[in-house]
């Protein structure tokens, strides 16, 4: 107490002020940490503002069931797009007379193709037998037994004719199946073209 009384009053106040400022400075974070925190805050805010939200995709939409991608080029809402797709679905169906959910192949069925092949090759067995008999008779005459050679040749010719008919049936069925697949694909492409034209007219990009 005697020592403090000897120190001038203004010096005591200065010492106390210096001590208080030192304590406050010690509680503050280092300048490097302040700079990092200050730099990080605006970057995060800028990043959030710079990333625009993408338009919500419409799951199980009519366009996706058709194998098409539709983008709302005029920022249409998901509900508006659903309404427009419903309208264009019906419009395209009316214009093309095609139901994309129940496309039927416009081609003869496999049974009809098989019957046509039978009719086209009905003489194959008879013709094959005749040709085989003639060839067999020639061979038989050379060997001294024309009759036996003709019989063997006729049987072989009949078998060859039957094999040709069976092959014709298989070819006819395969051709009918390919025609059916091509017909379905063509009808689907025709319908999708009409649907896309309607959606593009309403301001969408369709691929």
Protein backbone atom coordinates (compact mmCIF):
# COMPACT_ATOMS: atom_id res chain seq x y z
CA UNK A 1 0.00 0.00 0.00
CA UNK A 2 2.78 2.38 0.77
CA UNK A 3 4.43 1.52 -2.55
CA UNK A 4 1.21 2.22 -4.51
CA UNK A 5 0.80 5.50 -2.67
CA UNK A 6 4.23 6.57 -3.93
CA UNK A 7 3.29 5.80 -7.64
CA UNK A 8 1.59 8.68 -9.38
CA UNK A 9 -2.16 8.19 -9.87
CA UNK A 10 -2.01 8.64 -13.68
CA UNK A 11 0.66 5.93 -13.93
CA UNK A 12 -1.58 3.48 -12.04
CA UNK A 13 -4.47 4.09 -14.41
CA UNK A 14 -2.24 3.55 -17.45
CA UNK A 15 -0.94 0.25 -16.07
CA UNK A 16 -4.47 -1.02 -15.38
CA UNK A 17 -5.59 -0.06 -18.90
CA UNK A 18 -2.63 -1.86 -20.45
CA UNK A 19 -3.37 -4.99 -18.41
CA UNK A 20 -7.04 -5.01 -19.47
CA UNK A 21 -6.23 -4.61 -23.16
CA UNK A 22 -3.75 -7.50 -22.93
CA UNK A 23 -6.46 -9.78 -21.51
CA UNK A 24 -8.92 -8.87 -24.28
CA UNK A 25 -6.30 -9.45 -26.96
CA UNK A 26 -5.50 -12.88 -25.50
CA UNK A 27 -9.19 -13.93 -25.78
CA UNK A 28 -9.41 -13.05 -29.50
CA UNK A 29 -8.47 -15.72 -32.14
CA UNK A 30 -5.25 -15.30 -34.07
CA UNK A 31 -5.39 -12.97 -37.08
CA UNK A 32 -4.84 -15.89 -39.45
CA UNK A 33 -7.89 -17.70 -38.08
CA UNK A 34 -9.98 -14.49 -38.40
CA UNK A 35 -8.93 -14.08 -42.01
CA UNK A 36 -9.75 -17.71 -42.85
CA UNK A 37 -13.18 -17.48 -41.22
CA UNK A 38 -13.93 -14.17 -42.96
CA UNK A 39 -12.85 -15.56 -46.33
CA UNK A 40 -14.83 -18.78 -45.93
CA UNK A 41 -18.21 -17.23 -45.08
CA UNK A 42 -18.79 -15.20 -48.26
CA UNK A 43 -17.51 -18.04 -50.49
CA UNK A 44 -20.11 -20.41 -49.05
CA UNK A 45 -22.88 -17.87 -49.52
CA UNK A 46 -21.76 -17.11 -53.08
CA UNK A 47 -21.60 -20.80 -53.95
CA UNK A 48 -25.13 -21.36 -52.70
CA UNK A 49 -26.42 -18.41 -54.70
CA UNK A 50 -24.50 -19.34 -57.86
CA UNK A 51 -25.93 -22.89 -58.14
CA UNK A 52 -29.45 -22.64 -59.61
CA UNK A 53 -31.77 -25.48 -58.80
CA UNK A 54 -32.46 -27.82 -61.72
CA UNK A 55 -36.09 -28.44 -62.72
CA UNK A 56 -37.52 -31.43 -60.93
CA UNK A 57 -37.76 -34.53 -63.09
CA UNK A 58 -41.17 -36.12 -63.51
CA UNK A 59 -40.83 -39.81 -62.59
CA UNK A 60 -43.10 -42.28 -64.38
CA UNK A 61 -44.20 -39.58 -66.83
CA UNK A 62 -45.89 -40.30 -70.14
CA UNK A 63 -42.83 -39.11 -72.03
CA UNK A 64 -40.53 -41.51 -70.18
CA UNK A 65 -42.88 -44.40 -70.95
CA UNK A 66 -42.45 -43.51 -74.64
CA UNK A 67 -38.67 -43.49 -74.32
CA UNK A 68 -38.47 -39.70 -74.78
CA UNK A 69 -36.66 -36.98 -72.82
CA UNK A 70 -38.62 -33.74 -72.36
CA UNK A 71 -37.01 -30.56 -71.01
CA UNK A 72 -39.13 -27.56 -69.90
CA UNK A 73 -37.38 -24.92 -72.01
CA UNK A 74 -39.67 -22.16 -70.70
CA UNK A 75 -39.31 -23.14 -67.02
CA UNK A 76 -42.67 -24.86 -66.91
CA UNK A 77 -43.48 -26.45 -63.57
CA UNK A 78 -43.63 -30.21 -63.12
CA UNK A 79 -47.42 -30.04 -62.82
CA UNK A 80 -47.71 -27.96 -65.99
CA UNK A 81 -45.50 -30.44 -67.86
CA UNK A 82 -47.63 -33.35 -66.65
CA UNK A 83 -50.76 -31.58 -67.90
CA UNK A 84 -49.18 -30.81 -71.27
CA UNK A 85 -47.96 -34.38 -71.69
CA UNK A 86 -51.45 -35.70 -70.97
CA UNK A 87 -52.91 -33.41 -73.61
CA UNK A 88 -50.28 -34.27 -76.22
CA UNK A 89 -50.64 -37.99 -75.47
CA UNK A 90 -54.30 -37.89 -76.43
CA UNK A 91 -53.71 -35.52 -79.35
CA UNK A 92 -51.05 -37.76 -80.90
CA UNK A 93 -53.25 -40.82 -80.42
CA UNK A 94 -56.09 -39.10 -82.30
CA UNK A 95 -53.85 -37.86 -85.09
CA UNK A 96 -52.08 -41.19 -85.75
CA UNK A 97 -54.84 -43.60 -84.73
CA UNK A 98 -52.16 -45.46 -82.77
CA UNK A 99 -52.37 -46.44 -79.11
CA UNK A 100 -48.72 -46.57 -77.95
CA UNK A 101 -49.66 -48.76 -75.00
CA UNK A 102 -51.30 -51.42 -77.21
CA UNK A 103 -49.51 -51.47 -80.56
CA UNK A 104 -50.46 -54.44 -82.74
CA UNK A 105 -48.17 -55.69 -85.52
CA UNK A 106 -49.54 -55.04 -88.98
CA UNK A 107 -48.15 -58.21 -90.54
CA UNK A 108 -49.38 -61.78 -91.20
CA UNK A 109 -49.03 -64.10 -88.22
CA UNK A 110 -46.67 -67.03 -88.22
CA UNK A 111 -49.39 -69.62 -88.85
CA UNK A 112 -50.57 -67.77 -91.94
CA UNK A 113 -46.98 -67.55 -93.15
CA UNK A 114 -46.52 -71.29 -92.59
CA UNK A 115 -49.66 -72.08 -94.59
CA UNK A 116 -48.46 -69.85 -97.39
CA UNK A 117 -45.14 -71.68 -97.43
CA UNK A 118 -46.95 -75.04 -97.65
CA UNK A 119 -48.99 -73.85 -100.60
CA UNK A 120 -45.90 -72.51 -102.34
CA UNK A 121 -43.96 -75.76 -101.89
CA UNK A 122 -46.78 -78.32 -102.19
CA UNK A 123 -45.22 -79.77 -105.33
CA UNK A 124 -41.77 -80.01 -103.88
CA UNK A 125 -42.13 -83.62 -102.68
CA UNK A 126 -43.69 -84.81 -105.93
CA UNK A 127 -41.18 -82.98 -108.08
CA UNK A 128 -38.34 -84.21 -105.94
CA UNK A 129 -39.52 -87.78 -106.27
CA UNK A 130 -39.74 -87.51 -110.07
CA UNK A 131 -36.30 -85.99 -110.38
CA UNK A 132 -34.87 -88.55 -107.98
CA UNK A 133 -36.43 -91.44 -109.86
CA UNK A 134 -35.02 -90.25 -113.18
CA UNK A 135 -31.54 -89.83 -111.74
CA UNK A 136 -31.78 -93.20 -109.98
CA UNK A 137 -32.85 -94.95 -113.18
CA UNK A 138 -29.80 -93.62 -114.99
CA UNK A 139 -27.51 -94.79 -112.24
CA UNK A 140 -29.32 -98.14 -112.06
CA UNK A 141 -28.99 -98.66 -115.80
CA UNK A 142 -25.28 -98.22 -115.54
CA UNK A 143 -25.08 -100.79 -112.75
CA UNK A 144 -27.53 -103.18 -114.45
CA UNK A 145 -30.67 -102.56 -112.26
CA UNK A 146 -32.60 -99.55 -113.51
CA UNK A 147 -35.76 -100.38 -111.51
CA UNK A 148 -34.06 -100.48 -108.15
CA UNK A 149 -32.10 -97.35 -108.94
CA UNK A 150 -35.30 -95.51 -109.84
CA UNK A 151 -37.01 -96.54 -106.57
CA UNK A 152 -34.06 -95.48 -104.46
CA UNK A 153 -33.79 -92.20 -106.33
CA UNK A 154 -37.51 -91.49 -105.91
CA UNK A 155 -37.31 -92.01 -102.12
CA UNK A 156 -34.30 -89.74 -101.85
CA UNK A 157 -36.04 -87.13 -103.98
CA UNK A 158 -39.15 -87.27 -101.81
CA UNK A 159 -37.06 -86.73 -98.67
CA UNK A 160 -35.28 -83.80 -100.27
CA UNK A 161 -38.61 -82.26 -101.24
CA UNK A 162 -39.92 -82.61 -97.69
CA UNK A 163 -36.77 -81.01 -96.30
CA UNK A 164 -37.21 -78.08 -98.67
CA UNK A 165 -40.80 -77.60 -97.47
CA UNK A 166 -39.75 -77.63 -93.81
CA UNK A 167 -37.03 -75.09 -94.52
CA UNK A 168 -39.54 -72.93 -96.36
CA UNK A 169 -41.81 -73.04 -93.32
CA UNK A 170 -38.99 -71.96 -91.01
CA UNK A 171 -38.03 -69.13 -93.36
CA UNK A 172 -41.63 -67.98 -93.64
CA UNK A 173 -42.09 -67.88 -89.85
CA UNK A 174 -38.84 -65.99 -89.33
CA UNK A 175 -39.81 -63.50 -92.02
CA UNK A 176 -43.25 -62.96 -90.47
CA UNK A 177 -41.69 -62.33 -87.05
CA UNK A 178 -39.29 -59.77 -88.49
CA UNK A 179 -42.13 -58.02 -90.29
CA UNK A 180 -44.13 -57.87 -87.06
CA UNK A 181 -41.22 -56.32 -85.14
CA UNK A 182 -40.60 -53.79 -87.89
CA UNK A 183 -44.29 -52.87 -87.93
CA UNK A 184 -44.34 -52.22 -84.17
CA UNK A 185 -41.19 -50.10 -84.38
CA UNK A 186 -42.60 -48.07 -87.26
CA UNK A 187 -45.88 -47.38 -85.49
CA UNK A 188 -44.06 -46.36 -82.31
CA UNK A 189 -41.83 -43.97 -84.28
CA UNK A 190 -44.88 -42.44 -86.00
CA UNK A 191 -46.66 -41.87 -82.68
CA UNK A 192 -43.56 -40.43 -80.96
CA UNK A 193 -43.11 -38.00 -83.84
CA UNK A 194 -46.64 -36.65 -83.35
CA UNK A 195 -46.23 -36.47 -79.55
CA UNK A 196 -42.92 -34.62 -79.90
CA UNK A 197 -44.42 -32.12 -82.34
CA UNK A 198 -47.19 -31.32 -79.85
CA UNK A 199 -44.79 -30.89 -76.91
CA UNK A 200 -42.37 -28.72 -78.91
CA UNK A 201 -45.31 -26.51 -79.87
CA UNK A 202 -45.93 -25.96 -76.15
CA UNK A 203 -42.36 -24.83 -75.50
CA UNK A 204 -40.52 -28.04 -74.60
CA UNK A 205 -37.36 -29.59 -75.98
CA UNK A 206 -37.90 -33.24 -76.85
CA UNK A 207 -35.26 -35.84 -77.70
